[in-house]
PDB file of N, CA and C in Angstrom:
ATOM      1  N   UNK A   1       6.464   7.515   4.982  1.00  0.00           N
ATOM      2  CA  UNK A   1       7.190   8.087   6.730  1.00  0.00           C
ATOM      3  C   UNK A   1       6.649   8.847   7.208  1.00  0.00           C
ATOM      4  N   UNK A   2       5.909   9.399   8.158  1.00  0.00           N
ATOM      5  CA  UNK A   2       5.584  10.837   8.432  1.00  0.00           C
ATOM      6  C   UNK A   2       6.007  11.556   9.451  1.00  0.00           C
ATOM      7  N   UNK A   3       6.481  12.534   9.457  1.00  0.00           N
ATOM      8  CA  UNK A   3       7.261  12.731  10.933  1.00  0.00           C
ATOM      9  C   UNK A   3       6.788  14.078  10.912  1.00  0.00           C
ATOM     10  N   UNK A   4       6.646  14.181  11.885  1.00  0.00           N
ATOM     11  CA  UNK A   4       5.826  15.581  12.574  1.00  0.00           C
ATOM     12  C   UNK A   4       6.518  16.086  14.329  1.00  0.00           C
ATOM     13  N   UNK A   5       6.346  17.445  15.067  1.00  0.00           N
ATOM     14  CA  UNK A   5       6.788  18.077  15.370  1.00  0.00           C
ATOM     15  C   UNK A   5       7.946  18.515  15.383  1.00  0.00           C
ATOM     16  N   UNK A   6       9.229  18.771  15.832  1.00  0.00           N
ATOM     17  CA  UNK A   6      10.875  19.005  15.891  1.00  0.00           C
ATOM     18  C   UNK A   6      11.593  17.766  15.526  1.00  0.00           C
ATOM     19  N   UNK A   7      12.543  17.763  14.618  1.00  0.00           N
ATOM     20  CA  UNK A   7      13.855  16.888  14.476  1.00  0.00           C
ATOM     21  C   UNK A   7      15.041  17.170  14.929  1.00  0.00           C
ATOM     22  N   UNK A   8      14.886  17.017  16.199  1.00  0.00           N
ATOM     23  CA  UNK A   8      15.710  17.761  16.978  1.00  0.00           C
ATOM     24  C   UNK A   8      16.674  16.583  17.184  1.00  0.00           C
ATOM     25  N   UNK A   9      17.536  16.726  18.445  1.00  0.00           N
ATOM     26  CA  UNK A   9      18.506  15.882  19.398  1.00  0.00           C
ATOM     27  C   UNK A   9      18.313  14.062  19.154  1.00  0.00           C
ATOM     28  N   UNK A  10      17.355  13.473  20.492  1.00  0.00           N
ATOM     29  CA  UNK A  10      16.951  12.686  20.623  1.00  0.00           C
ATOM     30  C   UNK A  10      15.819  11.659  19.232  1.00  0.00           C
ATOM     31  N   UNK A  11      14.819  12.484  18.710  1.00  0.00           N
ATOM     32  CA  UNK A  11      14.103  12.425  17.957  1.00  0.00           C
ATOM     33  C   UNK A  11      14.871  12.214  16.637  1.00  0.00           C
ATOM     34  N   UNK A  12      16.046  12.685  16.161  1.00  0.00           N
ATOM     35  CA  UNK A  12      16.705  12.666  15.017  1.00  0.00           C
ATOM     36  C   UNK A  12      17.396  11.373  15.801  1.00  0.00           C
ATOM     37  N   UNK A  13      18.055  10.602  16.376  1.00  0.00           N
ATOM     38  CA  UNK A  13      17.682   9.147  16.772  1.00  0.00           C
ATOM     39  C   UNK A  13      16.915   7.992  16.574  1.00  0.00           C
ATOM     40  N   UNK A  14      16.043   8.922  17.599  1.00  0.00           N
ATOM     41  CA  UNK A  14      14.941   8.067  16.898  1.00  0.00           C
ATOM     42  C   UNK A  14      14.149   7.713  15.732  1.00  0.00           C
ATOM     43  N   UNK A  15      14.142   8.724  15.568  1.00  0.00           N
ATOM     44  CA  UNK A  15      13.907   8.513  13.226  1.00  0.00           C
ATOM     45  C   UNK A  15      14.944   7.990  12.958  1.00  0.00           C
ATOM     46  N   UNK A  16      16.317   7.981  12.913  1.00  0.00           N
ATOM     47  CA  UNK A  16      17.266   7.855  12.352  1.00  0.00           C
ATOM     48  C   UNK A  16      17.478   6.125  13.006  1.00  0.00           C
ATOM     49  N   UNK A  17      16.656   5.408  13.506  1.00  0.00           N
ATOM     50  CA  UNK A  17      15.984   4.262  13.997  1.00  0.00           C
ATOM     51  C   UNK A  17      15.278   3.549  13.075  1.00  0.00           C
ATOM     52  N   UNK A  18      14.045   4.040  12.905  1.00  0.00           N
ATOM     53  CA  UNK A  18      12.969   3.838  12.524  1.00  0.00           C
ATOM     54  C   UNK A  18      13.311   3.737  11.561  1.00  0.00           C
ATOM     55  N   UNK A  19      13.789   4.422  10.533  1.00  0.00           N
ATOM     56  CA  UNK A  19      13.859   4.480   9.028  1.00  0.00           C
ATOM     57  C   UNK A  19      14.752   3.140   8.891  1.00  0.00           C
ATOM     58  N   UNK A  20      16.401   3.268   8.905  1.00  0.00           N
ATOM     59  CA  UNK A  20      16.811   1.849   9.288  1.00  0.00           C
ATOM     60  C   UNK A  20      15.843   0.701   9.492  1.00  0.00           C
ATOM     61  N   UNK A  21      15.118   0.632  10.469  1.00  0.00           N
ATOM     62  CA  UNK A  21      14.004  -0.672  10.837  1.00  0.00           C
ATOM     63  C   UNK A  21      13.740  -1.454   9.316  1.00  0.00           C
ATOM     64  N   UNK A  22      13.228   0.274   9.027  1.00  0.00           N
ATOM     65  CA  UNK A  22      12.445   0.477   7.590  1.00  0.00           C
ATOM     66  C   UNK A  22      12.430   0.042   6.324  1.00  0.00           C
ATOM     67  N   UNK A  23      14.279   0.669   6.155  1.00  0.00           N
ATOM     68  CA  UNK A  23      15.103   0.677   4.739  1.00  0.00           C
ATOM     69  C   UNK A  23      15.102  -1.156   4.058  1.00  0.00           C
ATOM     70  N   UNK A  24      15.028  -1.890   5.084  1.00  0.00           N
ATOM     71  CA  UNK A  24      15.227  -3.183   4.232  1.00  0.00           C
ATOM     72  C   UNK A  24      14.184  -3.394   3.544  1.00  0.00           C
ATOM     73  N   UNK A  25      12.465  -2.943   3.995  1.00  0.00           N
ATOM     74  CA  UNK A  25      11.080  -3.421   3.227  1.00  0.00           C
ATOM     75  C   UNK A  25      10.996  -2.638   2.213  1.00  0.00           C
ATOM     76  N   UNK A  26      12.056  -1.870   1.611  1.00  0.00           N
ATOM     77  CA  UNK A  26      11.776  -0.652   0.621  1.00  0.00           C
ATOM     78  C   UNK A  26      12.559  -0.992  -0.910  1.00  0.00           C
ATOM     79  N   UNK A  27      13.180  -2.409  -0.598  1.00  0.00           N
ATOM     80  CA  UNK A  27      13.624  -2.644  -1.620  1.00  0.00           C
ATOM     81  C   UNK A  27      12.592  -2.653  -2.824  1.00  0.00           C
ATOM     82  N   UNK A  28      11.834  -2.476  -3.823  1.00  0.00           N
ATOM     83  CA  UNK A  28      10.790  -2.892  -4.694  1.00  0.00           C
ATOM     84  C   UNK A  28       9.855  -1.200  -4.548  1.00  0.00           C
ATOM     85  N   UNK A  29      10.174  -0.400  -2.943  1.00  0.00           N
ATOM     86  CA  UNK A  29       9.436   0.080  -3.165  1.00  0.00           C
ATOM     87  C   UNK A  29       9.831   1.982  -3.311  1.00  0.00           C
ATOM     88  N   UNK A  30       9.168   2.972  -3.459  1.00  0.00           N
ATOM     89  CA  UNK A  30       9.111   4.373  -3.288  1.00  0.00           C
ATOM     90  C   UNK A  30       9.337   4.374  -2.077  1.00  0.00           C
ATOM     91  N   UNK A  31      10.304   5.409  -1.504  1.00  0.00           N
ATOM     92  CA  UNK A  31       9.220   6.126  -0.061  1.00  0.00           C
ATOM     93  C   UNK A  31       9.365   7.629  -0.052  1.00  0.00           C
ATOM     94  N   UNK A  32       8.239   7.692   0.199  1.00  0.00           N
ATOM     95  CA  UNK A  32       8.062   9.426   0.577  1.00  0.00           C
ATOM     96  C   UNK A  32       7.883   9.436   1.889  1.00  0.00           C
ATOM     97  N   UNK A  33       8.957  10.906   2.186  1.00  0.00           N
ATOM     98  CA  UNK A  33       8.402  11.178   3.679  1.00  0.00           C
ATOM     99  C   UNK A  33       8.085  12.996   3.776  1.00  0.00           C
ATOM    100  N   UNK A  34       6.628  12.339   4.270  1.00  0.00           N
ATOM    101  CA  UNK A  34       6.282  13.605   4.913  1.00  0.00           C
ATOM    102  C   UNK A  34       6.256  14.963   5.607  1.00  0.00           C
ATOM    103  N   UNK A  35       6.996  15.757   5.489  1.00  0.00           N
ATOM    104  CA  UNK A  35       7.312  16.853   6.726  1.00  0.00           C
ATOM    105  C   UNK A  35       6.025  17.539   6.608  1.00  0.00           C
ATOM    106  N   UNK A  36       5.267  17.772   5.559  1.00  0.00           N
ATOM    107  CA  UNK A  36       4.002  18.442   6.667  1.00  0.00           C
ATOM    108  C   UNK A  36       3.912  19.142   7.782  1.00  0.00           C
ATOM    109  N   UNK A  37       4.326  18.350   8.926  1.00  0.00           N
ATOM    110  CA  UNK A  37       4.037  18.402  10.230  1.00  0.00           C
ATOM    111  C   UNK A  37       5.006  19.202  10.995  1.00  0.00           C
ATOM    112  N   UNK A  38       7.191  18.982  10.214  1.00  0.00           N
ATOM    113  CA  UNK A  38       7.414  19.166  11.389  1.00  0.00           C
ATOM    114  C   UNK A  38       7.246  20.345  11.363  1.00  0.00           C
ATOM    115  N   UNK A  39       8.326  21.211  12.729  1.00  0.00           N
ATOM    116  CA  UNK A  39       7.719  22.442  12.625  1.00  0.00           C
ATOM    117  C   UNK A  39       9.180  23.254  13.262  1.00  0.00           C
ATOM    118  N   UNK A  40      10.351  21.589  13.738  1.00  0.00           N
ATOM    119  CA  UNK A  40      11.717  22.829  13.370  1.00  0.00           C
ATOM    120  C   UNK A  40      12.280  21.641  13.240  1.00  0.00           C
ATOM    121  N   UNK A  41      13.542  21.373  12.230  1.00  0.00           N
ATOM    122  CA  UNK A  41      14.968  20.895  11.450  1.00  0.00           C
ATOM    123  C   UNK A  41      16.571  21.447  12.482  1.00  0.00           C
ATOM    124  N   UNK A  42      16.960  20.905  13.520  1.00  0.00           N
ATOM    125  CA  UNK A  42      18.095  21.058  13.526  1.00  0.00           C
ATOM    126  C   UNK A  42      19.026  20.792  12.338  1.00  0.00           C
ATOM    127  N   UNK A  43      20.400  20.863  12.622  1.00  0.00           N
ATOM    128  CA  UNK A  43      21.107  20.692  11.668  1.00  0.00           C
ATOM    129  C   UNK A  43      20.925  18.770  11.185  1.00  0.00           C
ATOM    130  N   UNK A  44      21.107  18.686  13.135  1.00  0.00           N
ATOM    131  CA  UNK A  44      21.441  16.948  12.836  1.00  0.00           C
ATOM    132  C   UNK A  44      19.918  16.326  12.125  1.00  0.00           C
ATOM    133  N   UNK A  45      18.469  17.124  12.046  1.00  0.00           N
ATOM    134  CA  UNK A  45      17.853  16.302  11.482  1.00  0.00           C
ATOM    135  C   UNK A  45      17.384  16.628  10.021  1.00  0.00           C
ATOM    136  N   UNK A  46      18.146  17.768   9.465  1.00  0.00           N
ATOM    137  CA  UNK A  46      18.592  18.014   8.245  1.00  0.00           C
ATOM    138  C   UNK A  46      19.367  16.866   7.672  1.00  0.00           C
ATOM    139  N   UNK A  47      20.607  16.437   9.083  1.00  0.00           N
ATOM    140  CA  UNK A  47      21.546  15.688   7.975  1.00  0.00           C
ATOM    141  C   UNK A  47      20.782  14.289   7.885  1.00  0.00           C
ATOM    142  N   UNK A  48      20.088  14.314   8.378  1.00  0.00           N
ATOM    143  CA  UNK A  48      19.064  12.689   8.850  1.00  0.00           C
ATOM    144  C   UNK A  48      18.022  12.910   7.434  1.00  0.00           C
ATOM    145  N   UNK A  49      17.564  13.582   7.144  1.00  0.00           N
ATOM    146  CA  UNK A  49      16.720  14.225   5.939  1.00  0.00           C
ATOM    147  C   UNK A  49      17.202  13.731   4.595  1.00  0.00           C
ATOM    148  N   UNK A  50      18.804  13.909   4.197  1.00  0.00           N
ATOM    149  CA  UNK A  50      19.091  13.948   3.704  1.00  0.00           C
ATOM    150  C   UNK A  50      20.344  12.405   3.201  1.00  0.00           C
ATOM    151  N   UNK A  51      20.243  11.751   4.206  1.00  0.00           N
ATOM    152  CA  UNK A  51      21.167  10.393   4.625  1.00  0.00           C
ATOM    153  C   UNK A  51      19.789   9.612   3.938  1.00  0.00           C
ATOM    154  N   UNK A  52      18.741  10.074   4.452  1.00  0.00           N
ATOM    155  CA  UNK A  52      17.272   9.403   3.701  1.00  0.00           C
ATOM    156  C   UNK A  52      17.217   9.657   2.168  1.00  0.00           C
ATOM    157  N   UNK A  53      17.159  10.520   1.840  1.00  0.00           N
ATOM    158  CA  UNK A  53      16.748  10.812   0.481  1.00  0.00           C
ATOM    159  C   UNK A  53      18.496  10.727   0.398  1.00  0.00           C
ATOM    160  N   UNK A  54      19.713  10.818   0.045  1.00  0.00           N
ATOM    161  CA  UNK A  54      20.380   9.783  -0.393  1.00  0.00           C
ATOM    162  C   UNK A  54      20.864   8.460  -0.961  1.00  0.00           C
ATOM    163  N   UNK A  55      20.405   7.837   0.229  1.00  0.00           N
ATOM    164  CA  UNK A  55      20.535   6.644   0.148  1.00  0.00           C
ATOM    165  C   UNK A  55      18.717   6.637  -0.722  1.00  0.00           C
ATOM    166  N   UNK A  56      18.108   6.347  -0.442  1.00  0.00           N
ATOM    167  CA  UNK A  56      16.582   5.746  -0.938  1.00  0.00           C
ATOM    168  C   UNK A  56      15.849   6.872  -2.296  1.00  0.00           C
ATOM    169  N   UNK A  57      16.736   8.218  -2.950  1.00  0.00           N
ATOM    170  CA  UNK A  57      15.862   8.334  -3.285  1.00  0.00           C
ATOM    171  C   UNK A  57      14.864   9.501  -2.936  1.00  0.00           C
ATOM    172  N   UNK A  58      13.884   9.297  -1.400  1.00  0.00           N
ATOM    173  CA  UNK A  58      12.880   9.731  -1.434  1.00  0.00           C
ATOM    174  C   UNK A  58      12.328  10.885  -1.676  1.00  0.00           C
ATOM    175  N   UNK A  59      11.626  10.912  -1.933  1.00  0.00           N
ATOM    176  CA  UNK A  59      10.715  11.995  -2.394  1.00  0.00           C
ATOM    177  C   UNK A  59      10.018  12.668  -0.915  1.00  0.00           C
ATOM    178  N   UNK A  60      10.484  14.220  -0.852  1.00  0.00           N
ATOM    179  CA  UNK A  60      10.240  15.092   0.413  1.00  0.00           C
ATOM    180  C   UNK A  60       8.537  16.035   0.523  1.00  0.00           C
ATOM    181  N   UNK A  61       7.520  15.452   0.901  1.00  0.00           N
ATOM    182  CA  UNK A  61       6.327  16.114   0.972  1.00  0.00           C
ATOM    183  C   UNK A  61       6.379  17.129   2.015  1.00  0.00           C
ATOM    184  N   UNK A  62       6.034  18.453   0.666  1.00  0.00           N
ATOM    185  CA  UNK A  62       5.691  19.669   1.621  1.00  0.00           C
ATOM    186  C   UNK A  62       4.953  20.058   1.672  1.00  0.00           C
ATOM    187  N   UNK A  63       4.193  20.870   2.952  1.00  0.00           N
ATOM    188  CA  UNK A  63       2.833  21.641   3.117  1.00  0.00           C
ATOM    189  C   UNK A  63       3.523  23.116   3.528  1.00  0.00           C
ATOM    190  N   UNK A  64       4.131  23.625   3.381  1.00  0.00           N
ATOM    191  CA  UNK A  64       4.605  25.158   3.647  1.00  0.00           C
ATOM    192  C   UNK A  64       6.211  25.409   3.801  1.00  0.00           C
ATOM    193  N   UNK A  65       6.570  26.630   3.378  1.00  0.00           N
ATOM    194  CA  UNK A  65       7.506  27.583   2.726  1.00  0.00           C
ATOM    195  C   UNK A  65       8.897  26.646   4.069  1.00  0.00           C
ATOM    196  N   UNK A  66       8.207  26.931   5.122  1.00  0.00           N
ATOM    197  CA  UNK A  66       9.105  26.304   6.518  1.00  0.00           C
ATOM    198  C   UNK A  66       9.613  24.167   6.153  1.00  0.00           C
ATOM    199  N   UNK A  67       8.875  23.758   6.042  1.00  0.00           N
ATOM    200  CA  UNK A  67       9.059  22.069   5.587  1.00  0.00           C
ATOM    201  C   UNK A  67       9.497  22.527   4.302  1.00  0.00           C
ATOM    202  N   UNK A  68       9.366  23.277   3.766  1.00  0.00           N
ATOM    203  CA  UNK A  68      10.316  23.255   1.659  1.00  0.00           C
ATOM    204  C   UNK A  68      11.547  23.581   2.050  1.00  0.00           C
ATOM    205  N   UNK A  69      11.383  24.763   3.004  1.00  0.00           N
ATOM    206  CA  UNK A  69      13.173  24.780   3.056  1.00  0.00           C
ATOM    207  C   UNK A  69      13.985  23.506   3.794  1.00  0.00           C
ATOM    208  N   UNK A  70      13.153  23.121   4.997  1.00  0.00           N
ATOM    209  CA  UNK A  70      14.145  21.747   5.123  1.00  0.00           C
ATOM    210  C   UNK A  70      14.721  20.837   3.578  1.00  0.00           C
ATOM    211  N   UNK A  71      12.998  19.964   3.590  1.00  0.00           N
ATOM    212  CA  UNK A  71      14.012  19.461   2.218  1.00  0.00           C
ATOM    213  C   UNK A  71      14.814  20.511   0.875  1.00  0.00           C
ATOM    214  N   UNK A  72      14.472  21.331   0.772  1.00  0.00           N
ATOM    215  CA  UNK A  72      15.669  21.375   0.212  1.00  0.00           C
ATOM    216  C   UNK A  72      17.325  21.551   0.552  1.00  0.00           C
ATOM    217  N   UNK A  73      17.273  21.766   2.185  1.00  0.00           N
ATOM    218  CA  UNK A  73      18.477  22.150   2.854  1.00  0.00           C
ATOM    219  C   UNK A  73      18.975  20.415   2.850  1.00  0.00           C
ATOM    220  N   UNK A  74      18.342  19.529   2.357  1.00  0.00           N
ATOM    221  CA  UNK A  74      18.728  18.067   2.682  1.00  0.00           C
ATOM    222  C   UNK A  74      19.195  17.871   1.800  1.00  0.00           C
ATOM    223  N   UNK A  75      18.235  18.221   0.869  1.00  0.00           N
ATOM    224  CA  UNK A  75      18.259  17.579  -1.117  1.00  0.00           C
ATOM    225  C   UNK A  75      20.285  18.964  -1.331  1.00  0.00           C
ATOM    226  N   UNK A  76      19.983  19.799  -1.163  1.00  0.00           N
ATOM    227  CA  UNK A  76      21.677  20.414  -1.566  1.00  0.00           C
ATOM    228  C   UNK A  76      22.258  20.119  -1.014  1.00  0.00           C
ATOM    229  N   UNK A  77      22.542  19.390   0.590  1.00  0.00           N
ATOM    230  CA  UNK A  77      23.318  18.841   0.903  1.00  0.00           C
ATOM    231  C   UNK A  77      23.717  17.751   0.092  1.00  0.00           C
ATOM    232  N   UNK A  78      23.006  17.087  -0.324  1.00  0.00           N
ATOM    233  CA  UNK A  78      23.337  15.824  -1.165  1.00  0.00           C
ATOM    234  C   UNK A  78      24.542  16.355  -2.399  1.00  0.00           C
ATOM    235  N   UNK A  79      23.892  17.277  -3.227  1.00  0.00           N
ATOM    236  CA  UNK A  79      24.269  18.115  -4.408  1.00  0.00           C
ATOM    237  C   UNK A  79      25.736  18.542  -4.247  1.00  0.00           C
ATOM    238  N   UNK A  80      26.255  18.095  -3.224  1.00  0.00           N
ATOM    239  CA  UNK A  80      27.709  18.533  -2.843  1.00  0.00           C
ATOM    240  C   UNK A  80      27.774  20.634  -2.503  1.00  0.00           C
ATOM    241  N   UNK A  81      26.195  20.886  -1.868  1.00  0.00           N
ATOM    242  CA  UNK A  81      26.712  21.837  -1.410  1.00  0.00           C
ATOM    243  C   UNK A  81      26.295  22.029   0.515  1.00  0.00           C
ATOM    244  N   UNK A  82      26.885  22.963   0.838  1.00  0.00           N
ATOM    245  CA  UNK A  82      26.618  22.906   2.704  1.00  0.00           C
ATOM    246  C   UNK A  82      25.442  23.918   2.654  1.00  0.00           C
ATOM    247  N   UNK A  83      25.188  23.348   3.203  1.00  0.00           N
ATOM    248  CA  UNK A  83      24.337  24.328   4.423  1.00  0.00           C
ATOM    249  C   UNK A  83      24.367  26.175   4.096  1.00  0.00           C
ATOM    250  N   UNK A  84      23.253  26.308   3.495  1.00  0.00           N
ATOM    251  CA  UNK A  84      23.852  28.211   3.678  1.00  0.00           C
ATOM    252  C   UNK A  84      24.390  28.536   2.166  1.00  0.00           C
ATOM    253  N   UNK A  85      24.709  27.660   1.458  1.00  0.00           N
ATOM    254  CA  UNK A  85      24.875  28.666   0.011  1.00  0.00           C
ATOM    255  C   UNK A  85      24.290  28.375  -0.855  1.00  0.00           C
TER     256      UNK A  85
END
Protein backbone atom coordinates (compact mmCIF):
# COMPACT_ATOMS: atom_id res chain seq x y z
CA UNK A 1 0.00 0.00 0.00
CA UNK A 2 1.64 3.24 -1.12
CA UNK A 3 0.67 6.47 0.63
CA UNK A 4 1.57 9.95 -0.55
CA UNK A 5 0.96 13.51 0.58
CA UNK A 6 -0.73 14.47 3.82
CA UNK A 7 -2.37 11.82 5.97
CA UNK A 8 -4.92 14.12 7.59
CA UNK A 9 -8.66 14.65 7.98
CA UNK A 10 -10.71 13.29 5.08
CA UNK A 11 -7.64 11.54 3.60
CA UNK A 12 -7.39 9.40 6.73
CA UNK A 13 -11.02 8.39 6.26
CA UNK A 14 -10.37 7.54 2.60
CA UNK A 15 -7.20 5.61 3.42
CA UNK A 16 -9.01 3.65 6.15
CA UNK A 17 -11.75 2.75 3.66
CA UNK A 18 -9.16 1.61 1.10
CA UNK A 19 -7.32 -0.46 3.71
CA UNK A 20 -10.54 -2.10 4.92
CA UNK A 21 -11.40 -2.97 1.30
CA UNK A 22 -7.92 -4.45 0.82
CA UNK A 23 -7.68 -6.27 4.16
CA UNK A 24 -9.73 -9.39 3.29
CA UNK A 25 -7.37 -10.17 0.42
CA UNK A 26 -4.37 -10.21 2.77
CA UNK A 27 -5.14 -13.55 4.38
CA UNK A 28 -1.87 -15.16 3.26
CA UNK A 29 0.03 -12.07 2.20
CA UNK A 30 2.29 -9.66 4.06
CA UNK A 31 1.27 -6.01 3.81
CA UNK A 32 3.90 -3.33 3.28
CA UNK A 33 2.96 0.32 3.77
CA UNK A 34 5.17 2.65 1.75
CA UNK A 35 5.37 5.96 3.61
CA UNK A 36 8.17 7.43 1.47
CA UNK A 37 5.81 9.94 -0.18
CA UNK A 38 4.05 11.05 3.03
CA UNK A 39 4.76 14.69 3.87
CA UNK A 40 2.65 15.01 7.03
CA UNK A 41 0.51 12.84 9.32
CA UNK A 42 -1.73 14.22 12.05
CA UNK A 43 -2.78 12.26 15.13
CA UNK A 44 -5.58 10.51 13.25
CA UNK A 45 -3.14 9.56 10.48
CA UNK A 46 -0.68 8.08 12.97
CA UNK A 47 -3.57 6.25 14.67
CA UNK A 48 -4.56 4.76 11.31
CA UNK A 49 -0.99 3.61 10.70
CA UNK A 50 -1.07 2.03 14.17
CA UNK A 51 -4.36 0.26 13.41
CA UNK A 52 -2.97 -1.11 10.14
CA UNK A 53 0.27 -2.24 11.79
CA UNK A 54 -1.54 -3.76 14.78
CA UNK A 55 -4.04 -5.67 12.62
CA UNK A 56 -1.63 -6.94 9.97
CA UNK A 57 1.93 -6.62 11.27
CA UNK A 58 2.59 -4.50 8.20
CA UNK A 59 6.13 -3.43 7.45
CA UNK A 60 6.48 0.35 7.19
CA UNK A 61 8.83 1.51 4.44
CA UNK A 62 10.39 4.87 5.13
CA UNK A 63 12.67 7.08 3.09
CA UNK A 64 13.45 10.01 5.34
CA UNK A 65 13.75 10.92 9.01
CA UNK A 66 10.22 12.34 8.82
CA UNK A 67 8.59 9.17 7.49
CA UNK A 68 10.65 7.09 9.91
CA UNK A 69 9.23 9.25 12.71
CA UNK A 70 5.65 8.54 11.56
CA UNK A 71 6.36 4.80 11.46
CA UNK A 72 7.98 4.87 14.91
CA UNK A 73 5.02 6.77 16.36
CA UNK A 74 2.59 4.23 14.91
CA UNK A 75 4.49 1.20 16.16
CA UNK A 76 5.21 2.79 19.57
CA UNK A 77 1.47 3.31 20.08
CA UNK A 78 1.18 -0.46 19.61
CA UNK A 79 3.66 -1.10 22.43
CA UNK A 80 1.53 0.53 25.09
CA UNK A 81 3.32 3.86 24.81
CA UNK A 82 1.54 7.09 24.14
CA UNK A 83 2.52 9.51 21.43
CA UNK A 84 5.38 11.69 22.60
CA UNK A 85 6.80 9.25 25.17
